[in-house]
Amino acid sequence: MLARRAGPGAACVRSAAGIDRGRVGERLQAALAGLQELHLLRERQGDRVRWALQMQRDRSSPPARPGTDSPAYSPDEQRLEATLTALKQQLSRLRRQDVGLKSHLQQLDEQISVLKLDVSKASTEHLESDSRPSSGE
């Protein structure tokens, strides 16, 4: 009799464990897929870094003058160089704006602190100077 009663309950436990195993398996597969994607992204980033370092090494050699053996910059390299210069200028402007915004934010923060002090001071003064007659008089 005891075996009969434990039978259906044990089946529920086994099915619940199977569902949990299925979920764990799905999570592990998703985690593995995420790790593989991160690995791929890491390889791509490494390729980009190697390419940028190669470009930097190539750029460090002086450009060719007419009549010399070393090659001149290609149009693509010239376009990339111009883009890089424009981005550097934009970054410089953004940094200056950032400094201005930070100082403005500090000033606003100080003004808010002063206003908070004024509000708390005004509320305590209001309580102290209550001119209403007391209920006993």
N, C-alpha and C. Protein backbone atom coordinates (compact mmCIF):
# COMPACT_ATOMS: atom_id res chain seq x y z
N MET A 1 0.80 -1.19 0.00
CA MET A 1 0.00 0.00 0.00
C MET A 1 0.85 1.27 0.00
N LEU A 2 1.86 1.24 0.80
CA LEU A 2 2.74 2.40 0.88
C LEU A 2 3.40 2.67 -0.48
N ALA A 3 3.72 1.60 -1.16
CA ALA A 3 4.35 1.76 -2.48
C ALA A 3 3.37 2.38 -3.46
N ARG A 4 2.09 2.05 -3.33
CA ARG A 4 1.08 2.63 -4.22
C ARG A 4 0.94 4.13 -4.02
N ARG A 5 0.93 4.52 -2.77
CA ARG A 5 0.78 5.96 -2.48
C ARG A 5 2.02 6.75 -2.90
N ALA A 6 3.18 6.17 -2.74
CA ALA A 6 4.41 6.87 -3.10
C ALA A 6 4.60 6.90 -4.61
N GLY A 7 3.96 6.00 -5.31
CA GLY A 7 4.11 5.90 -6.76
C GLY A 7 3.73 7.16 -7.50
N PRO A 8 2.49 7.65 -7.41
CA PRO A 8 2.12 8.86 -8.16
C PRO A 8 2.89 10.08 -7.70
N GLY A 9 3.14 10.19 -6.41
CA GLY A 9 3.90 11.34 -5.90
C GLY A 9 5.32 11.34 -6.41
N ALA A 10 5.89 10.16 -6.48
CA ALA A 10 7.26 10.05 -6.98
C ALA A 10 7.31 10.43 -8.45
N ALA A 11 6.27 10.11 -9.18
CA ALA A 11 6.23 10.48 -10.60
C ALA A 11 6.18 11.99 -10.76
N CYS A 12 5.43 12.66 -9.89
CA CYS A 12 5.38 14.13 -9.94
C CYS A 12 6.75 14.73 -9.65
N VAL A 13 7.43 14.16 -8.66
CA VAL A 13 8.75 14.67 -8.30
C VAL A 13 9.70 14.45 -9.46
N ARG A 14 9.62 13.24 -10.08
CA ARG A 14 10.49 12.96 -11.21
C ARG A 14 10.19 13.88 -12.38
N SER A 15 8.93 14.17 -12.65
CA SER A 15 8.60 15.06 -13.77
C SER A 15 9.03 16.49 -13.48
N ALA A 16 8.89 16.91 -12.22
CA ALA A 16 9.36 18.25 -11.85
C ALA A 16 10.87 18.34 -11.98
N ALA A 17 11.56 17.26 -11.58
CA ALA A 17 13.02 17.25 -11.71
C ALA A 17 13.41 17.27 -13.18
N GLY A 18 12.62 16.58 -14.01
CA GLY A 18 12.90 16.60 -15.45
C GLY A 18 12.72 17.98 -16.04
N ILE A 19 11.68 18.69 -15.60
CA ILE A 19 11.45 20.06 -16.07
C ILE A 19 12.59 20.96 -15.62
N ASP A 20 13.01 20.80 -14.35
CA ASP A 20 14.13 21.61 -13.85
C ASP A 20 15.40 21.31 -14.63
N ARG A 21 15.63 20.02 -14.92
CA ARG A 21 16.82 19.66 -15.70
C ARG A 21 16.74 20.28 -17.10
N GLY A 22 15.54 20.26 -17.65
CA GLY A 22 15.37 20.87 -18.98
C GLY A 22 15.68 22.35 -18.95
N ARG A 23 15.20 23.03 -17.92
CA ARG A 23 15.47 24.47 -17.81
C ARG A 23 16.95 24.73 -17.60
N VAL A 24 17.56 23.91 -16.74
CA VAL A 24 18.99 24.08 -16.49
C VAL A 24 19.76 23.83 -17.78
N GLY A 25 19.34 22.81 -18.53
CA GLY A 25 20.01 22.53 -19.81
C GLY A 25 19.88 23.70 -20.77
N GLU A 26 18.69 24.29 -20.85
CA GLU A 26 18.48 25.44 -21.72
C GLU A 26 19.34 26.61 -21.29
N ARG A 27 19.42 26.82 -19.99
CA ARG A 27 20.25 27.93 -19.48
C ARG A 27 21.72 27.70 -19.80
N LEU A 28 22.16 26.44 -19.64
CA LEU A 28 23.56 26.14 -19.94
C LEU A 28 23.85 26.34 -21.44
N GLN A 29 22.91 25.94 -22.29
CA GLN A 29 23.10 26.14 -23.72
C GLN A 29 23.13 27.63 -24.06
N ALA A 30 22.27 28.40 -23.43
CA ALA A 30 22.26 29.85 -23.68
C ALA A 30 23.56 30.47 -23.18
N ALA A 31 24.05 30.01 -22.03
CA ALA A 31 25.31 30.55 -21.49
C ALA A 31 26.46 30.19 -22.42
N LEU A 32 26.46 28.96 -22.94
CA LEU A 32 27.51 28.55 -23.87
C LEU A 32 27.46 29.38 -25.15
N ALA A 33 26.25 29.62 -25.67
CA ALA A 33 26.12 30.45 -26.86
C ALA A 33 26.63 31.86 -26.58
N GLY A 34 26.33 32.40 -25.40
CA GLY A 34 26.82 33.72 -25.03
C GLY A 34 28.33 33.76 -24.94
N LEU A 35 28.92 32.72 -24.37
CA LEU A 35 30.37 32.67 -24.27
C LEU A 35 31.03 32.56 -25.65
N GLN A 36 30.40 31.79 -26.54
CA GLN A 36 30.94 31.68 -27.89
C GLN A 36 30.86 33.02 -28.62
N GLU A 37 29.76 33.73 -28.41
CA GLU A 37 29.63 35.04 -29.03
C GLU A 37 30.68 36.02 -28.47
N LEU A 38 30.90 35.97 -27.16
CA LEU A 38 31.93 36.83 -26.56
C LEU A 38 33.31 36.49 -27.12
N HIS A 39 33.57 35.20 -27.30
CA HIS A 39 34.86 34.78 -27.86
C HIS A 39 35.03 35.33 -29.26
N LEU A 40 33.96 35.24 -30.07
CA LEU A 40 34.01 35.77 -31.43
C LEU A 40 34.23 37.28 -31.43
N LEU A 41 33.52 37.98 -30.55
CA LEU A 41 33.70 39.43 -30.46
C LEU A 41 35.11 39.78 -30.02
N ARG A 42 35.65 38.98 -29.11
CA ARG A 42 37.02 39.22 -28.64
C ARG A 42 38.01 39.06 -29.79
N GLU A 43 37.81 38.02 -30.60
CA GLU A 43 38.69 37.81 -31.75
C GLU A 43 38.57 38.97 -32.73
N ARG A 44 37.35 39.43 -32.99
CA ARG A 44 37.16 40.56 -33.91
C ARG A 44 37.85 41.81 -33.38
N GLN A 45 37.70 42.06 -32.07
CA GLN A 45 38.34 43.24 -31.47
C GLN A 45 39.86 43.11 -31.56
N GLY A 46 40.37 41.91 -31.33
CA GLY A 46 41.81 41.69 -31.45
C GLY A 46 42.29 41.97 -32.87
N ASP A 47 41.50 41.53 -33.86
CA ASP A 47 41.85 41.81 -35.26
C ASP A 47 41.86 43.31 -35.52
N ARG A 48 40.88 44.02 -34.98
CA ARG A 48 40.82 45.47 -35.17
C ARG A 48 42.02 46.16 -34.53
N VAL A 49 42.39 45.70 -33.35
CA VAL A 49 43.54 46.29 -32.66
C VAL A 49 44.81 46.03 -33.46
N ARG A 50 44.99 44.79 -33.92
CA ARG A 50 46.17 44.48 -34.73
C ARG A 50 46.21 45.34 -36.00
N TRP A 51 45.03 45.52 -36.63
CA TRP A 51 44.97 46.34 -37.83
C TRP A 51 45.34 47.78 -37.52
N ALA A 52 44.80 48.31 -36.41
CA ALA A 52 45.10 49.70 -36.04
C ALA A 52 46.58 49.87 -35.71
N LEU A 53 47.16 48.88 -35.03
CA LEU A 53 48.59 48.96 -34.72
C LEU A 53 49.43 48.91 -36.00
N GLN A 54 49.01 48.08 -36.93
CA GLN A 54 49.72 48.01 -38.21
C GLN A 54 49.61 49.34 -38.95
N MET A 55 48.40 49.93 -38.92
CA MET A 55 48.22 51.23 -39.57
C MET A 55 49.11 52.28 -38.90
N GLN A 56 49.22 52.21 -37.58
CA GLN A 56 50.05 53.17 -36.85
C GLN A 56 51.52 52.99 -37.25
N ARG A 57 51.97 51.74 -37.35
CA ARG A 57 53.35 51.48 -37.76
C ARG A 57 53.58 51.99 -39.19
N ASP A 58 52.60 51.72 -40.07
CA ASP A 58 52.74 52.17 -41.45
C ASP A 58 52.72 53.69 -41.54
N ARG A 59 51.92 54.32 -40.71
CA ARG A 59 51.78 55.77 -40.73
C ARG A 59 53.03 56.45 -40.16
N SER A 60 53.75 55.76 -39.27
CA SER A 60 54.92 56.38 -38.66
C SER A 60 56.05 56.57 -39.66
N SER A 61 56.02 55.82 -40.75
CA SER A 61 57.01 56.07 -41.79
C SER A 61 56.59 57.30 -42.57
N PRO A 62 57.54 58.13 -42.97
CA PRO A 62 57.18 59.39 -43.65
C PRO A 62 56.54 59.11 -45.00
N PRO A 63 55.59 59.97 -45.40
CA PRO A 63 54.96 59.79 -46.71
C PRO A 63 55.97 59.98 -47.83
N ALA A 64 55.67 59.39 -48.94
CA ALA A 64 56.60 59.42 -50.07
C ALA A 64 56.61 60.79 -50.74
N ARG A 65 57.76 61.14 -51.18
CA ARG A 65 57.89 62.35 -51.97
C ARG A 65 57.96 61.92 -53.43
N PRO A 66 57.57 62.78 -54.31
CA PRO A 66 57.66 62.41 -55.73
C PRO A 66 59.09 62.05 -56.10
N GLY A 67 59.23 60.92 -56.81
CA GLY A 67 60.55 60.51 -57.26
C GLY A 67 61.26 59.60 -56.28
N THR A 68 60.62 59.19 -55.16
CA THR A 68 61.27 58.28 -54.22
C THR A 68 60.63 56.91 -54.33
N ASP A 69 61.24 55.91 -53.68
CA ASP A 69 60.78 54.54 -53.78
C ASP A 69 59.62 54.22 -52.84
N SER A 70 59.47 54.94 -51.75
CA SER A 70 58.42 54.59 -50.79
C SER A 70 57.06 55.04 -51.32
N PRO A 71 56.01 54.23 -51.09
CA PRO A 71 54.68 54.56 -51.63
C PRO A 71 54.02 55.70 -50.87
N ALA A 72 53.19 56.46 -51.59
CA ALA A 72 52.43 57.56 -50.99
C ALA A 72 51.16 57.01 -50.36
N TYR A 73 50.48 57.82 -49.56
CA TYR A 73 49.21 57.39 -48.97
C TYR A 73 48.18 57.18 -50.07
N SER A 74 47.42 56.11 -49.91
CA SER A 74 46.34 55.87 -50.87
C SER A 74 45.19 56.82 -50.55
N PRO A 75 44.24 56.99 -51.46
CA PRO A 75 43.09 57.87 -51.19
C PRO A 75 42.31 57.42 -49.95
N ASP A 76 42.19 56.10 -49.77
CA ASP A 76 41.48 55.60 -48.59
C ASP A 76 42.21 55.99 -47.31
N GLU A 77 43.54 55.87 -47.32
CA GLU A 77 44.32 56.23 -46.14
C GLU A 77 44.22 57.73 -45.87
N GLN A 78 44.22 58.53 -46.94
CA GLN A 78 44.08 59.97 -46.77
C GLN A 78 42.72 60.31 -46.18
N ARG A 79 41.67 59.62 -46.66
CA ARG A 79 40.32 59.84 -46.14
C ARG A 79 40.26 59.43 -44.66
N LEU A 80 40.87 58.29 -44.34
CA LEU A 80 40.89 57.84 -42.94
C LEU A 80 41.67 58.82 -42.06
N GLU A 81 42.75 59.35 -42.59
CA GLU A 81 43.55 60.32 -41.84
C GLU A 81 42.74 61.59 -41.58
N ALA A 82 42.01 62.04 -42.59
CA ALA A 82 41.17 63.24 -42.42
C ALA A 82 40.06 62.98 -41.42
N THR A 83 39.47 61.79 -41.49
CA THR A 83 38.41 61.43 -40.54
C THR A 83 38.97 61.37 -39.13
N LEU A 84 40.16 60.79 -38.98
CA LEU A 84 40.80 60.71 -37.67
C LEU A 84 41.08 62.10 -37.11
N THR A 85 41.55 62.99 -37.93
CA THR A 85 41.82 64.36 -37.49
C THR A 85 40.53 65.05 -37.06
N ALA A 86 39.46 64.87 -37.84
CA ALA A 86 38.17 65.48 -37.49
C ALA A 86 37.65 64.90 -36.17
N LEU A 87 37.81 63.60 -35.99
CA LEU A 87 37.35 62.98 -34.73
C LEU A 87 38.16 63.48 -33.53
N LYS A 88 39.46 63.66 -33.73
CA LYS A 88 40.29 64.19 -32.64
C LYS A 88 39.84 65.61 -32.26
N GLN A 89 39.53 66.42 -33.27
CA GLN A 89 39.05 67.78 -32.99
C GLN A 89 37.71 67.74 -32.26
N GLN A 90 36.84 66.84 -32.71
CA GLN A 90 35.53 66.73 -32.06
C GLN A 90 35.68 66.27 -30.61
N LEU A 91 36.58 65.33 -30.37
CA LEU A 91 36.83 64.86 -29.01
C LEU A 91 37.35 65.99 -28.14
N SER A 92 38.23 66.80 -28.69
CA SER A 92 38.75 67.94 -27.94
C SER A 92 37.64 68.92 -27.57
N ARG A 93 36.74 69.20 -28.52
CA ARG A 93 35.61 70.08 -28.23
C ARG A 93 34.70 69.49 -27.17
N LEU A 94 34.44 68.20 -27.28
CA LEU A 94 33.56 67.54 -26.30
C LEU A 94 34.18 67.56 -24.91
N ARG A 95 35.48 67.40 -24.83
CA ARG A 95 36.15 67.46 -23.53
C ARG A 95 36.01 68.85 -22.91
N ARG A 96 36.17 69.89 -23.75
CA ARG A 96 36.00 71.25 -23.23
C ARG A 96 34.57 71.48 -22.77
N GLN A 97 33.60 70.98 -23.54
CA GLN A 97 32.20 71.11 -23.14
C GLN A 97 31.95 70.35 -21.84
N ASP A 98 32.58 69.20 -21.71
CA ASP A 98 32.40 68.38 -20.52
C ASP A 98 32.89 69.13 -19.29
N VAL A 99 34.03 69.79 -19.41
CA VAL A 99 34.55 70.57 -18.28
C VAL A 99 33.58 71.69 -17.93
N GLY A 100 33.05 72.37 -18.96
CA GLY A 100 32.09 73.44 -18.72
C GLY A 100 30.82 72.92 -18.06
N LEU A 101 30.34 71.78 -18.52
CA LEU A 101 29.13 71.20 -17.94
C LEU A 101 29.36 70.76 -16.49
N LYS A 102 30.54 70.23 -16.23
CA LYS A 102 30.84 69.80 -14.85
C LYS A 102 30.86 71.00 -13.91
N SER A 103 31.48 72.10 -14.34
CA SER A 103 31.51 73.27 -13.46
C SER A 103 30.10 73.84 -13.28
N HIS A 104 29.31 73.84 -14.35
CA HIS A 104 27.93 74.31 -14.25
C HIS A 104 27.12 73.41 -13.31
N LEU A 105 27.34 72.11 -13.40
CA LEU A 105 26.66 71.16 -12.52
C LEU A 105 27.05 71.40 -11.06
N GLN A 106 28.31 71.68 -10.81
CA GLN A 106 28.75 71.97 -9.44
C GLN A 106 28.08 73.23 -8.91
N GLN A 107 27.98 74.25 -9.76
CA GLN A 107 27.31 75.48 -9.34
C GLN A 107 25.84 75.22 -9.01
N LEU A 108 25.17 74.45 -9.84
CA LEU A 108 23.77 74.11 -9.58
C LEU A 108 23.63 73.31 -8.29
N ASP A 109 24.56 72.42 -8.06
CA ASP A 109 24.52 71.61 -6.84
C ASP A 109 24.69 72.50 -5.61
N GLU A 110 25.58 73.48 -5.69
CA GLU A 110 25.76 74.42 -4.58
C GLU A 110 24.49 75.24 -4.36
N GLN A 111 23.86 75.70 -5.45
CA GLN A 111 22.63 76.47 -5.33
C GLN A 111 21.52 75.63 -4.70
N ILE A 112 21.44 74.37 -5.06
CA ILE A 112 20.42 73.48 -4.48
C ILE A 112 20.69 73.31 -2.99
N SER A 113 21.94 73.16 -2.61
CA SER A 113 22.27 73.02 -1.20
C SER A 113 21.86 74.26 -0.42
N VAL A 114 22.13 75.44 -1.01
CA VAL A 114 21.76 76.69 -0.35
C VAL A 114 20.24 76.77 -0.22
N LEU A 115 19.53 76.40 -1.28
CA LEU A 115 18.07 76.44 -1.23
C LEU A 115 17.52 75.47 -0.19
N LYS A 116 18.12 74.31 -0.06
CA LYS A 116 17.68 73.36 0.95
C LYS A 116 17.88 73.94 2.34
N LEU A 117 19.02 74.60 2.53
CA LEU A 117 19.29 75.22 3.83
C LEU A 117 18.28 76.33 4.09
N ASP A 118 17.97 77.14 3.07
CA ASP A 118 17.01 78.22 3.23
C ASP A 118 15.63 77.68 3.56
N VAL A 119 15.23 76.60 2.90
CA VAL A 119 13.91 76.03 3.15
C VAL A 119 13.82 75.48 4.56
N SER A 120 14.84 74.76 5.00
CA SER A 120 14.79 74.21 6.35
C SER A 120 14.85 75.33 7.38
N LYS A 121 15.61 76.38 7.11
CA LYS A 121 15.70 77.52 8.02
C LYS A 121 14.36 78.25 8.09
N ALA A 122 13.72 78.43 6.94
CA ALA A 122 12.44 79.12 6.90
C ALA A 122 11.36 78.30 7.61
N SER A 123 11.40 76.99 7.49
CA SER A 123 10.38 76.18 8.15
C SER A 123 10.56 76.20 9.66
N THR A 124 11.80 76.24 10.17
CA THR A 124 12.00 76.31 11.61
C THR A 124 11.62 77.69 12.13
N GLU A 125 11.91 78.75 11.35
CA GLU A 125 11.52 80.09 11.77
C GLU A 125 10.00 80.21 11.79
N HIS A 126 9.34 79.59 10.84
CA HIS A 126 7.88 79.65 10.79
C HIS A 126 7.28 78.98 12.02
N LEU A 127 7.85 77.88 12.42
CA LEU A 127 7.33 77.19 13.60
C LEU A 127 7.56 78.01 14.87
N GLU A 128 8.71 78.68 14.95
CA GLU A 128 9.04 79.47 16.13
C GLU A 128 8.20 80.74 16.21
N SER A 129 7.82 81.31 15.08
CA SER A 129 7.11 82.57 15.08
C SER A 129 5.62 82.39 14.79
N ASP A 130 5.03 81.35 15.28
CA ASP A 130 3.62 81.11 15.07
C ASP A 130 2.85 82.15 15.87
N SER A 131 2.09 83.02 15.20
CA SER A 131 1.40 84.11 15.86
C SER A 131 -0.04 83.76 16.22
N ARG A 132 -0.44 82.54 16.00
CA ARG A 132 -1.82 82.17 16.34
C ARG A 132 -1.95 82.08 17.83
N PRO A 133 -3.11 82.49 18.35
CA PRO A 133 -3.30 82.39 19.79
C PRO A 133 -3.39 80.93 20.23
N SER A 134 -2.93 80.70 21.43
CA SER A 134 -2.99 79.32 21.93
C SER A 134 -4.44 78.98 22.25
N SER A 135 -4.77 77.73 22.26
CA SER A 135 -6.16 77.32 22.47
C SER A 135 -6.61 77.55 23.91
N GLY A 136 -5.67 77.72 24.82
CA GLY A 136 -6.05 77.93 26.23
C GLY A 136 -6.40 79.36 26.54
N GLU A 137 -6.15 80.29 25.68
CA GLU A 137 -6.40 81.69 26.00
C GLU A 137 -7.60 82.25 25.37
